Amino acid sequence: MLKIYINFQNNPYKYIKKSNLFILSSLYEGLPNVLLEAISLKKFVISSNCPTGPQEILKNGKLGYLFKPGDEKTLTKKIINYHNDNKRHDKIALKAIFH
């Protein structure tokens, strides 16, 4: 499996569009627009449950996975869970667009 990590980009759409999964690992966010962008591109989201945004956008984990900020073990489990059943998760990603 190819893993690519990219730092800040002015135009992240071309990278998100090519990805299978979007992970937000922030400790803090204002309004996490990047989550909205990933959802608009039909990507399944795994996000830290940092203050202000992810929990509300992902409907308490119904529209993507949430993990405690800094909890690498849980994040790893959620990534593996996604890869073990990505078709089911892709359906959740489509559902997220309409919420």
PDB file of N, CA and C in Angstrom:
ATOM      1  N   MET A   1       0.842  -1.164   0.000  1.00  0.00           N
ATOM      2  CA  MET A   1       0.000   0.000   0.000  1.00  0.00           C
ATOM      3  C   MET A   1       0.894   1.235   0.000  1.00  0.00           C
ATOM      4  N   LEU A   2       0.640   2.148  -0.898  1.00  0.00           N
ATOM      5  CA  LEU A   2       1.399   3.384  -1.011  1.00  0.00           C
ATOM      6  C   LEU A   2       0.836   4.422  -0.049  1.00  0.00           C
ATOM      7  N   LYS A   3       1.703   5.000   0.755  1.00  0.00           N
ATOM      8  CA  LYS A   3       1.302   6.037   1.695  1.00  0.00           C
ATOM      9  C   LYS A   3       2.049   7.308   1.334  1.00  0.00           C
ATOM     10  N   ILE A   4       1.316   8.380   1.198  1.00  0.00           N
ATOM     11  CA  ILE A   4       1.922   9.664   0.891  1.00  0.00           C
ATOM     12  C   ILE A   4       1.424  10.680   1.902  1.00  0.00           C
ATOM     13  N   TYR A   5       2.336  11.414   2.486  1.00  0.00           N
ATOM     14  CA  TYR A   5       1.997  12.463   3.428  1.00  0.00           C
ATOM     15  C   TYR A   5       2.389  13.799   2.808  1.00  0.00           C
ATOM     16  N   ILE A   6       1.453  14.714   2.782  1.00  0.00           N
ATOM     17  CA  ILE A   6       1.678  16.003   2.125  1.00  0.00           C
ATOM     18  C   ILE A   6       1.429  17.122   3.124  1.00  0.00           C
ATOM     19  N   ASN A   7       2.327  18.078   3.179  1.00  0.00           N
ATOM     20  CA  ASN A   7       2.152  19.246   4.035  1.00  0.00           C
ATOM     21  C   ASN A   7       1.120  20.201   3.437  1.00  0.00           C
ATOM     22  N   PHE A   8       0.968  21.364   4.036  1.00  0.00           N
ATOM     23  CA  PHE A   8      -0.018  22.354   3.609  1.00  0.00           C
ATOM     24  C   PHE A   8       0.061  22.619   2.110  1.00  0.00           C
ATOM     25  N   GLN A   9      -1.112  22.676   1.495  1.00  0.00           N
ATOM     26  CA  GLN A   9      -1.221  22.981   0.072  1.00  0.00           C
ATOM     27  C   GLN A   9      -2.293  24.044  -0.110  1.00  0.00           C
ATOM     28  N   ASN A  10      -2.044  25.022  -0.984  1.00  0.00           N
ATOM     29  CA  ASN A  10      -3.059  26.027  -1.275  1.00  0.00           C
ATOM     30  C   ASN A  10      -4.275  25.409  -1.949  1.00  0.00           C
ATOM     31  N   ASN A  11      -4.056  24.408  -2.776  1.00  0.00           N
ATOM     32  CA  ASN A  11      -5.141  23.729  -3.472  1.00  0.00           C
ATOM     33  C   ASN A  11      -5.059  22.227  -3.177  1.00  0.00           C
ATOM     34  N   PRO A  12      -5.724  21.779  -2.099  1.00  0.00           N
ATOM     35  CA  PRO A  12      -5.627  20.368  -1.731  1.00  0.00           C
ATOM     36  C   PRO A  12      -6.527  19.443  -2.557  1.00  0.00           C
ATOM     37  N   TYR A  13      -7.431  20.008  -3.354  1.00  0.00           N
ATOM     38  CA  TYR A  13      -8.426  19.191  -4.053  1.00  0.00           C
ATOM     39  C   TYR A  13      -7.808  18.107  -4.925  1.00  0.00           C
ATOM     40  N   LYS A  14      -6.752  18.415  -5.641  1.00  0.00           N
ATOM     41  CA  LYS A  14      -6.173  17.419  -6.544  1.00  0.00           C
ATOM     42  C   LYS A  14      -5.618  16.220  -5.774  1.00  0.00           C
ATOM     43  N   TYR A  15      -5.166  16.447  -4.554  1.00  0.00           N
ATOM     44  CA  TYR A  15      -4.644  15.357  -3.739  1.00  0.00           C
ATOM     45  C   TYR A  15      -5.783  14.567  -3.091  1.00  0.00           C
ATOM     46  N   ILE A  16      -6.742  15.290  -2.564  1.00  0.00           N
ATOM     47  CA  ILE A  16      -7.875  14.623  -1.913  1.00  0.00           C
ATOM     48  C   ILE A  16      -8.649  13.792  -2.934  1.00  0.00           C
ATOM     49  N   LYS A  17      -8.836  14.324  -4.122  1.00  0.00           N
ATOM     50  CA  LYS A  17      -9.598  13.627  -5.151  1.00  0.00           C
ATOM     51  C   LYS A  17      -8.986  12.265  -5.495  1.00  0.00           C
ATOM     52  N   LYS A  18      -7.674  12.172  -5.458  1.00  0.00           N
ATOM     53  CA  LYS A  18      -6.985  10.921  -5.806  1.00  0.00           C
ATOM     54  C   LYS A  18      -6.896   9.943  -4.636  1.00  0.00           C
ATOM     55  N   SER A  19      -7.251  10.383  -3.452  1.00  0.00           N
ATOM     56  CA  SER A  19      -7.107   9.540  -2.270  1.00  0.00           C
ATOM     57  C   SER A  19      -8.319   8.631  -2.075  1.00  0.00           C
ATOM     58  N   ASN A  20      -8.136   7.618  -1.261  1.00  0.00           N
ATOM     59  CA  ASN A  20      -9.222   6.724  -0.889  1.00  0.00           C
ATOM     60  C   ASN A  20      -9.849   7.126   0.436  1.00  0.00           C
ATOM     61  N   LEU A  21      -9.090   7.792   1.254  1.00  0.00           N
ATOM     62  CA  LEU A  21      -9.451   8.056   2.639  1.00  0.00           C
ATOM     63  C   LEU A  21      -8.872   9.404   3.033  1.00  0.00           C
ATOM     64  N   PHE A  22      -9.597  10.139   3.878  1.00  0.00           N
ATOM     65  CA  PHE A  22      -9.073  11.409   4.369  1.00  0.00           C
ATOM     66  C   PHE A  22      -8.952  11.339   5.886  1.00  0.00           C
ATOM     67  N   ILE A  23      -7.780  11.714   6.400  1.00  0.00           N
ATOM     68  CA  ILE A  23      -7.530  11.700   7.840  1.00  0.00           C
ATOM     69  C   ILE A  23      -7.158  13.106   8.297  1.00  0.00           C
ATOM     70  N   LEU A  24      -7.890  13.592   9.302  1.00  0.00           N
ATOM     71  CA  LEU A  24      -7.571  14.868   9.934  1.00  0.00           C
ATOM     72  C   LEU A  24      -7.057  14.553  11.336  1.00  0.00           C
ATOM     73  N   SER A  25      -5.819  14.905  11.622  1.00  0.00           N
ATOM     74  CA  SER A  25      -5.212  14.557  12.915  1.00  0.00           C
ATOM     75  C   SER A  25      -4.958  15.778  13.787  1.00  0.00           C
ATOM     76  N   SER A  26      -5.706  16.820  13.587  1.00  0.00           N
ATOM     77  CA  SER A  26      -5.495  18.075  14.314  1.00  0.00           C
ATOM     78  C   SER A  26      -5.763  17.949  15.804  1.00  0.00           C
ATOM     79  N   LEU A  27      -5.036  18.745  16.573  1.00  0.00           N
ATOM     80  CA  LEU A  27      -5.306  18.867  18.003  1.00  0.00           C
ATOM     81  C   LEU A  27      -6.387  19.910  18.241  1.00  0.00           C
ATOM     82  N   TYR A  28      -6.432  20.942  17.385  1.00  0.00           N
ATOM     83  CA  TYR A  28      -7.419  22.016  17.474  1.00  0.00           C
ATOM     84  C   TYR A  28      -7.805  22.455  16.077  1.00  0.00           C
ATOM     85  N   GLU A  29      -9.030  22.882  15.922  1.00  0.00           N
ATOM     86  CA  GLU A  29      -9.514  23.441  14.664  1.00  0.00           C
ATOM     87  C   GLU A  29     -10.470  24.575  14.983  1.00  0.00           C
ATOM     88  N   GLY A  30     -10.621  25.476  14.042  1.00  0.00           N
ATOM     89  CA  GLY A  30     -11.706  26.447  14.099  1.00  0.00           C
ATOM     90  C   GLY A  30     -12.871  25.758  13.417  1.00  0.00           C
ATOM     91  N   LEU A  31     -13.134  26.128  12.206  1.00  0.00           N
ATOM     92  CA  LEU A  31     -14.062  25.371  11.364  1.00  0.00           C
ATOM     93  C   LEU A  31     -13.186  24.557  10.424  1.00  0.00           C
ATOM     94  N   PRO A  32     -13.203  23.239  10.542  1.00  0.00           N
ATOM     95  CA  PRO A  32     -12.324  22.415   9.699  1.00  0.00           C
ATOM     96  C   PRO A  32     -12.865  22.300   8.273  1.00  0.00           C
ATOM     97  N   ASN A  33     -12.643  23.333   7.497  1.00  0.00           N
ATOM     98  CA  ASN A  33     -13.122  23.352   6.107  1.00  0.00           C
ATOM     99  C   ASN A  33     -12.621  22.153   5.315  1.00  0.00           C
ATOM    100  N   VAL A  34     -11.440  21.682   5.627  1.00  0.00           N
ATOM    101  CA  VAL A  34     -10.877  20.558   4.886  1.00  0.00           C
ATOM    102  C   VAL A  34     -11.750  19.308   5.041  1.00  0.00           C
ATOM    103  N   LEU A  35     -12.421  19.146   6.170  1.00  0.00           N
ATOM    104  CA  LEU A  35     -13.358  18.026   6.314  1.00  0.00           C
ATOM    105  C   LEU A  35     -14.526  18.175   5.352  1.00  0.00           C
ATOM    106  N   LEU A  36     -15.041  19.380   5.251  1.00  0.00           N
ATOM    107  CA  LEU A  36     -16.138  19.643   4.322  1.00  0.00           C
ATOM    108  C   LEU A  36     -15.692  19.418   2.884  1.00  0.00           C
ATOM    109  N   GLU A  37     -14.460  19.802   2.579  1.00  0.00           N
ATOM    110  CA  GLU A  37     -13.922  19.589   1.227  1.00  0.00           C
ATOM    111  C   GLU A  37     -13.778  18.098   0.922  1.00  0.00           C
ATOM    112  N   ALA A  38     -13.267  17.341   1.876  1.00  0.00           N
ATOM    113  CA  ALA A  38     -13.112  15.900   1.674  1.00  0.00           C
ATOM    114  C   ALA A  38     -14.470  15.228   1.495  1.00  0.00           C
ATOM    115  N   ILE A  39     -15.440  15.621   2.294  1.00  0.00           N
ATOM    116  CA  ILE A  39     -16.790  15.064   2.172  1.00  0.00           C
ATOM    117  C   ILE A  39     -17.385  15.406   0.812  1.00  0.00           C
ATOM    118  N   SER A  40     -17.176  16.630   0.354  1.00  0.00           N
ATOM    119  CA  SER A  40     -17.719  17.030  -0.948  1.00  0.00           C
ATOM    120  C   SER A  40     -17.094  16.234  -2.091  1.00  0.00           C
ATOM    121  N   LEU A  41     -15.906  15.690  -1.852  1.00  0.00           N
ATOM    122  CA  LEU A  41     -15.236  14.853  -2.854  1.00  0.00           C
ATOM    123  C   LEU A  41     -15.491  13.364  -2.620  1.00  0.00           C
ATOM    124  N   LYS A  42     -16.472  13.048  -1.761  1.00  0.00           N
ATOM    125  CA  LYS A  42     -16.938  11.676  -1.514  1.00  0.00           C
ATOM    126  C   LYS A  42     -15.877  10.792  -0.865  1.00  0.00           C
ATOM    127  N   LYS A  43     -15.098  11.389   0.016  1.00  0.00           N
ATOM    128  CA  LYS A  43     -14.055  10.628   0.712  1.00  0.00           C
ATOM    129  C   LYS A  43     -14.520  10.267   2.110  1.00  0.00           C
ATOM    130  N   PHE A  44     -14.231   9.047   2.528  1.00  0.00           N
ATOM    131  CA  PHE A  44     -14.514   8.661   3.899  1.00  0.00           C
ATOM    132  C   PHE A  44     -13.531   9.408   4.796  1.00  0.00           C
ATOM    133  N   VAL A  45     -14.018   9.878   5.944  1.00  0.00           N
ATOM    134  CA  VAL A  45     -13.212  10.711   6.835  1.00  0.00           C
ATOM    135  C   VAL A  45     -12.971  10.017   8.165  1.00  0.00           C
ATOM    136  N   ILE A  46     -11.720  10.053   8.575  1.00  0.00           N
ATOM    137  CA  ILE A  46     -11.336   9.699   9.937  1.00  0.00           C
ATOM    138  C   ILE A  46     -10.735  10.972  10.517  1.00  0.00           C
ATOM    139  N   SER A  47     -11.311  11.437  11.631  1.00  0.00           N
ATOM    140  CA  SER A  47     -10.877  12.720  12.180  1.00  0.00           C
ATOM    141  C   SER A  47     -10.659  12.639  13.678  1.00  0.00           C
ATOM    142  N   SER A  48      -9.675  13.402  14.141  1.00  0.00           N
ATOM    143  CA  SER A  48      -9.543  13.577  15.580  1.00  0.00           C
ATOM    144  C   SER A  48     -10.793  14.310  16.062  1.00  0.00           C
ATOM    145  N   ASN A  49     -11.198  14.001  17.260  1.00  0.00           N
ATOM    146  CA  ASN A  49     -12.373  14.648  17.839  1.00  0.00           C
ATOM    147  C   ASN A  49     -11.918  15.893  18.590  1.00  0.00           C
ATOM    148  N   CYS A  50     -11.228  16.759  17.862  1.00  0.00           N
ATOM    149  CA  CYS A  50     -10.702  17.987  18.452  1.00  0.00           C
ATOM    150  C   CYS A  50     -11.841  18.993  18.623  1.00  0.00           C
ATOM    151  N   PRO A  51     -11.624  20.000  19.460  1.00  0.00           N
ATOM    152  CA  PRO A  51     -12.680  20.994  19.683  1.00  0.00           C
ATOM    153  C   PRO A  51     -13.116  21.708  18.399  1.00  0.00           C
ATOM    154  N   THR A  52     -14.374  22.007  18.357  1.00  0.00           N
ATOM    155  CA  THR A  52     -15.073  22.815  17.353  1.00  0.00           C
ATOM    156  C   THR A  52     -15.023  22.279  15.928  1.00  0.00           C
ATOM    157  N   GLY A  53     -15.881  21.352  15.647  1.00  0.00           N
ATOM    158  CA  GLY A  53     -16.090  20.990  14.261  1.00  0.00           C
ATOM    159  C   GLY A  53     -16.267  19.532  13.909  1.00  0.00           C
ATOM    160  N   PRO A  54     -15.250  18.705  14.061  1.00  0.00           N
ATOM    161  CA  PRO A  54     -15.349  17.343  13.554  1.00  0.00           C
ATOM    162  C   PRO A  54     -16.541  16.554  14.099  1.00  0.00           C
ATOM    163  N   GLN A  55     -16.779  16.645  15.384  1.00  0.00           N
ATOM    164  CA  GLN A  55     -17.883  15.883  15.986  1.00  0.00           C
ATOM    165  C   GLN A  55     -19.221  16.306  15.384  1.00  0.00           C
ATOM    166  N   GLU A  56     -19.403  17.592  15.171  1.00  0.00           N
ATOM    167  CA  GLU A  56     -20.654  18.090  14.607  1.00  0.00           C
ATOM    168  C   GLU A  56     -20.771  17.724  13.127  1.00  0.00           C
ATOM    169  N   ILE A  57     -19.711  17.893  12.381  1.00  0.00           N
ATOM    170  CA  ILE A  57     -19.724  17.611  10.948  1.00  0.00           C
ATOM    171  C   ILE A  57     -19.946  16.118  10.696  1.00  0.00           C
ATOM    172  N   LEU A  58     -19.331  15.278  11.497  1.00  0.00           N
ATOM    173  CA  LEU A  58     -19.436  13.829  11.301  1.00  0.00           C
ATOM    174  C   LEU A  58     -20.574  13.222  12.129  1.00  0.00           C
ATOM    175  N   LYS A  59     -21.457  14.057  12.637  1.00  0.00           N
ATOM    176  CA  LYS A  59     -22.652  13.600  13.368  1.00  0.00           C
ATOM    177  C   LYS A  59     -22.303  12.568  14.437  1.00  0.00           C
ATOM    178  N   ASN A  60     -21.372  12.952  15.316  1.00  0.00           N
ATOM    179  CA  ASN A  60     -20.946  12.096  16.430  1.00  0.00           C
ATOM    180  C   ASN A  60     -20.412  10.737  15.977  1.00  0.00           C
ATOM    181  N   GLY A  61     -19.816  10.686  14.805  1.00  0.00           N
ATOM    182  CA  GLY A  61     -19.210   9.453  14.310  1.00  0.00           C
ATOM    183  C   GLY A  61     -20.093   8.635  13.382  1.00  0.00           C
ATOM    184  N   LYS A  62     -21.282   9.112  13.065  1.00  0.00           N
ATOM    185  CA  LYS A  62     -22.172   8.384  12.153  1.00  0.00           C
ATOM    186  C   LYS A  62     -21.769   8.547  10.690  1.00  0.00           C
ATOM    187  N   LEU A  63     -21.073   9.634  10.371  1.00  0.00           N
ATOM    188  CA  LEU A  63     -20.700   9.923   8.981  1.00  0.00           C
ATOM    189  C   LEU A  63     -19.192   9.839   8.759  1.00  0.00           C
ATOM    190  N   GLY A  64     -18.492   9.272   9.670  1.00  0.00           N
ATOM    191  CA  GLY A  64     -17.044   9.104   9.606  1.00  0.00           C
ATOM    192  C   GLY A  64     -16.563   8.707  10.987  1.00  0.00           C
ATOM    193  N   TYR A  65     -15.311   8.333  11.103  1.00  0.00           N
ATOM    194  CA  TYR A  65     -14.771   7.909  12.387  1.00  0.00           C
ATOM    195  C   TYR A  65     -14.160   9.084  13.129  1.00  0.00           C
ATOM    196  N   LEU A  66     -14.301   9.055  14.443  1.00  0.00           N
ATOM    197  CA  LEU A  66     -13.669  10.032  15.318  1.00  0.00           C
ATOM    198  C   LEU A  66     -12.728   9.300  16.272  1.00  0.00           C
ATOM    199  N   PHE A  67     -11.634   9.953  16.620  1.00  0.00           N
ATOM    200  CA  PHE A  67     -10.712   9.403  17.610  1.00  0.00           C
ATOM    201  C   PHE A  67     -10.188  10.539  18.473  1.00  0.00           C
ATOM    202  N   LYS A  68      -9.778  10.209  19.671  1.00  0.00           N
ATOM    203  CA  LYS A  68      -9.247  11.196  20.601  1.00  0.00           C
ATOM    204  C   LYS A  68      -7.941  11.761  20.042  1.00  0.00           C
ATOM    205  N   PRO A  69      -7.781  13.080  20.037  1.00  0.00           N
ATOM    206  CA  PRO A  69      -6.535  13.664  19.532  1.00  0.00           C
ATOM    207  C   PRO A  69      -5.310  13.048  20.211  1.00  0.00           C
ATOM    208  N   GLY A  70      -4.357  12.640  19.389  1.00  0.00           N
ATOM    209  CA  GLY A  70      -3.123  12.055  19.895  1.00  0.00           C
ATOM    210  C   GLY A  70      -3.190  10.557  20.145  1.00  0.00           C
ATOM    211  N   ASP A  71      -4.354   9.951  19.962  1.00  0.00           N
ATOM    212  CA  ASP A  71      -4.517   8.511  20.213  1.00  0.00           C
ATOM    213  C   ASP A  71      -4.172   7.719  18.954  1.00  0.00           C
ATOM    214  N   GLU A  72      -2.889   7.453  18.788  1.00  0.00           N
ATOM    215  CA  GLU A  72      -2.388   6.782  17.580  1.00  0.00           C
ATOM    216  C   GLU A  72      -2.887   5.349  17.442  1.00  0.00           C
ATOM    217  N   LYS A  73      -3.051   4.651  18.559  1.00  0.00           N
ATOM    218  CA  LYS A  73      -3.518   3.260  18.499  1.00  0.00           C
ATOM    219  C   LYS A  73      -4.937   3.182  17.946  1.00  0.00           C
ATOM    220  N   THR A  74      -5.812   4.045  18.427  1.00  0.00           N
ATOM    221  CA  THR A  74      -7.187   4.042  17.931  1.00  0.00           C
ATOM    222  C   THR A  74      -7.228   4.473  16.472  1.00  0.00           C
ATOM    223  N   LEU A  75      -6.441   5.468  16.108  1.00  0.00           N
ATOM    224  CA  LEU A  75      -6.377   5.896  14.717  1.00  0.00           C
ATOM    225  C   LEU A  75      -5.947   4.734  13.826  1.00  0.00           C
ATOM    226  N   THR A  76      -4.929   4.015  14.245  1.00  0.00           N
ATOM    227  CA  THR A  76      -4.449   2.862  13.475  1.00  0.00           C
ATOM    228  C   THR A  76      -5.552   1.830  13.293  1.00  0.00           C
ATOM    229  N   LYS A  77      -6.278   1.523  14.346  1.00  0.00           N
ATOM    230  CA  LYS A  77      -7.384   0.556  14.270  1.00  0.00           C
ATOM    231  C   LYS A  77      -8.461   1.023  13.301  1.00  0.00           C
ATOM    232  N   LYS A  78      -8.749   2.300  13.306  1.00  0.00           N
ATOM    233  CA  LYS A  78      -9.790   2.837  12.423  1.00  0.00           C
ATOM    234  C   LYS A  78      -9.342   2.803  10.952  1.00  0.00           C
ATOM    235  N   ILE A  79      -8.082   3.048  10.709  1.00  0.00           N
ATOM    236  CA  ILE A  79      -7.558   2.946   9.340  1.00  0.00           C
ATOM    237  C   ILE A  79      -7.648   1.495   8.859  1.00  0.00           C
ATOM    238  N   ILE A  80      -7.264   0.563   9.705  1.00  0.00           N
ATOM    239  CA  ILE A  80      -7.347  -0.857   9.344  1.00  0.00           C
ATOM    240  C   ILE A  80      -8.797  -1.253   9.113  1.00  0.00           C
ATOM    241  N   ASN A  81      -9.691  -0.801   9.978  1.00  0.00           N
ATOM    242  CA  ASN A  81     -11.115  -1.086   9.824  1.00  0.00           C
ATOM    243  C   ASN A  81     -11.620  -0.579   8.478  1.00  0.00           C
ATOM    244  N   TYR A  82     -11.215   0.628   8.106  1.00  0.00           N
ATOM    245  CA  TYR A  82     -11.609   1.177   6.801  1.00  0.00           C
ATOM    246  C   TYR A  82     -11.119   0.258   5.674  1.00  0.00           C
ATOM    247  N   HIS A  83      -9.874  -0.104   5.700  1.00  0.00           N
ATOM    248  CA  HIS A  83      -9.300  -0.910   4.622  1.00  0.00           C
ATOM    249  C   HIS A  83      -9.892  -2.325   4.562  1.00  0.00           C
ATOM    250  N   ASN A  84     -10.361  -2.844   5.682  1.00  0.00           N
ATOM    251  CA  ASN A  84     -10.975  -4.170   5.695  1.00  0.00           C
ATOM    252  C   ASN A  84     -12.374  -4.184   5.086  1.00  0.00           C
ATOM    253  N   ASP A  85     -13.028  -3.040   5.029  1.00  0.00           N
ATOM    254  CA  ASP A  85     -14.387  -2.978   4.474  1.00  0.00           C
ATOM    255  C   ASP A  85     -14.626  -1.619   3.834  1.00  0.00           C
ATOM    256  N   ASN A  86     -13.775  -1.256   2.877  1.00  0.00           N
ATOM    257  CA  ASN A  86     -13.867   0.089   2.308  1.00  0.00           C
ATOM    258  C   ASN A  86     -15.136   0.315   1.495  1.00  0.00           C
ATOM    259  N   LYS A  87     -15.763  -0.727   0.972  1.00  0.00           N
ATOM    260  CA  LYS A  87     -17.012  -0.525   0.221  1.00  0.00           C
ATOM    261  C   LYS A  87     -18.116  -0.015   1.138  1.00  0.00           C
ATOM    262  N   ARG A  88     -18.218  -0.576   2.323  1.00  0.00           N
ATOM    263  CA  ARG A  88     -19.223  -0.097   3.293  1.00  0.00           C
ATOM    264  C   ARG A  88     -18.925   1.342   3.689  1.00  0.00           C
ATOM    265  N   HIS A  89     -17.656   1.643   3.896  1.00  0.00           N
ATOM    266  CA  HIS A  89     -17.278   2.992   4.298  1.00  0.00           C
ATOM    267  C   HIS A  89     -17.491   3.997   3.169  1.00  0.00           C
ATOM    268  N   ASP A  90     -17.309   3.572   1.942  1.00  0.00           N
ATOM    269  CA  ASP A  90     -17.557   4.467   0.816  1.00  0.00           C
ATOM    270  C   ASP A  90     -19.039   4.831   0.727  1.00  0.00           C
ATOM    271  N   LYS A  91     -19.916   3.914   1.119  1.00  0.00           N
ATOM    272  CA  LYS A  91     -21.358   4.215   1.170  1.00  0.00           C
ATOM    273  C   LYS A  91     -21.643   5.256   2.242  1.00  0.00           C
ATOM    274  N   ILE A  92     -20.955   5.162   3.365  1.00  0.00           N
ATOM    275  CA  ILE A  92     -21.098   6.156   4.425  1.00  0.00           C
ATOM    276  C   ILE A  92     -20.622   7.516   3.924  1.00  0.00           C
ATOM    277  N   ALA A  93     -19.536   7.525   3.163  1.00  0.00           N
ATOM    278  CA  ALA A  93     -19.003   8.778   2.618  1.00  0.00           C
ATOM    279  C   ALA A  93     -20.021   9.439   1.698  1.00  0.00           C
ATOM    280  N   LEU A  94     -20.721   8.659   0.889  1.00  0.00           N
ATOM    281  CA  LEU A  94     -21.756   9.213   0.019  1.00  0.00           C
ATOM    282  C   LEU A  94     -22.906   9.766   0.835  1.00  0.00           C
ATOM    283  N   LYS A  95     -23.266   9.073   1.906  1.00  0.00           N
ATOM    284  CA  LYS A  95     -24.346   9.520   2.786  1.00  0.00           C
ATOM    285  C   LYS A  95     -23.982  10.872   3.424  1.00  0.00           C
ATOM    286  N   ALA A  96     -22.723  11.066   3.746  1.00  0.00           N
ATOM    287  CA  ALA A  96     -22.267  12.288   4.413  1.00  0.00           C
ATOM    288  C   ALA A  96     -22.491  13.533   3.557  1.00  0.00           C
ATOM    289  N   ILE A  97     -22.468  13.376   2.265  1.00  0.00           N
ATOM    290  CA  ILE A  97     -22.643  14.532   1.364  1.00  0.00           C
ATOM    291  C   ILE A  97     -24.006  15.190   1.570  1.00  0.00           C
ATOM    292  N   PHE A  98     -24.991  14.396   1.889  1.00  0.00           N
ATOM    293  CA  PHE A  98     -26.359  14.908   1.965  1.00  0.00           C
ATOM    294  C   PHE A  98     -26.772  15.339   3.358  1.00  0.00           C
ATOM    295  N   HIS A  99     -25.843  15.416   4.296  1.00  0.00           N
ATOM    296  CA  HIS A  99     -26.176  15.865   5.649  1.00  0.00           C
ATOM    297  C   HIS A  99     -25.627  17.231   5.922  1.00  0.00           C
TER     298      HIS A  99
END
